[in-house]
Amino acid sequence: MSAMTDPQPAAPAESPAPPDGGRRRVIAMSLWVLAFVVGWFAIGLPTDPLYAFFWIWAGTIAWNSARPWRSHLRFARDWVPVVLLLVAYNLSRGFAYHDGTVPHAYELILADRLMFGWATGGEVPTVWLQQHLYRPDVRWYDVLVSWVYFSHFVAALAAAAVLWVRSRSRWAAFMRRWFFLCASGLITYFLYPAAPPWWAAQNGLLDEVARISTRGWREFGMHGAGNLLNAGQLASNPVAAMPSLHTAFALFVVLFFLRGVRRRWWPLLLAYPLAMTFTLVYSGEHYVIDVLVGWAYVGMAFLVVGLAERWWARRKARRTPTEPPTTRTAPADPPTVPATR
């Protein structure tokens, strides 16, 4: 799978855009936004990898509508392995849970109580937050929570699409780290199946916890807006709490771009994984310990893949033959011929 191995050389520059490229881009992007809103209300938000890829690909086509079709087909070619791996990842998560699975829950509850019980009256943060913030009617912060929760399904893919358009080598580096993170999380789900707070509450291990990550759509009367997201929740793996890949993805995307952003913007970028952490804990999806382990997995992904890349670069350098330096000598003076008269 060449798209996931070594960074490829940059693609040759495309032909320059026609003079009306700016107006053409505005029209194309306007049509894309209109189609996205119609699809949002008719079908739901793009939380499925195939559905999300369709909208991302369509967005790149609209943004670069002046480019020839071979450029757009190149995007699809590079992303087919990515989408197939994401689909396989989503399907394989379900195999980590079956009727005989006894998920871990007590130690997660104990960890959160040990860390935060002094400030929450002995409750885990999820229970404490819902006791203070959750109301039967939808509040403004419930709307924000639903949007932040949804961003998990598109933020990493959208960032990768931007990277592909701007620098294919950085896109490859992004993908290597991202799939290492996904694989690490999936292996953990099999080795250590862990239940989220809403599952623990349903089974009598915690006080009442509502699963409220998608309730914010009702504020705008968009009952169908989260259909795919709600269906995905029902079909999701209920023992995939440890680690929290939702917050891991959020931190991963921010850290990947952090060094290329001016320091004054760092607090704004870092607010995103913190907002995702609040969303997941408040909505009953994860414990704080799940979030902390997810962050540790992000650090492991950058460290391990970075070391592997440097090892591979050194290995390629050793295998590349080097030609011995050649010394150039000045050409000999032509023999003198005696003059004849």
Foldseek 3Di string as FASTA:
>chain_A
DVLQDAQDDDDDDFDDFPPCLVVQLVVQQVVLVVVQVVCLLPAAHPLQLVSLVVSLLSNVCSNPVRTDVVVSVVVVVSCPVVSVVSNVLQVLQQVLDDPPDDADEPVLQVVQQVVCVVPQVSGRLQVSLCVVPPDPDDDPVLLVLLVLLSCLRHVLVNLLSVCVVVGSRLSNVLVQLVVLLSVVLSVCCNVHFHAFQCVCCVVPNHPHAAQRSNVSVVVVPSPNHHVVVVVCVVSGNRRSQAAPVSLLSLVLSLVSCVVVDDPVCNVVSVVSSVSNLCSCSNNRNYGVVNNVRSVVSSVVSCVVSVVVVVVVVVVVVVPDDDDDDDDDDDDDDDDDDDDDD
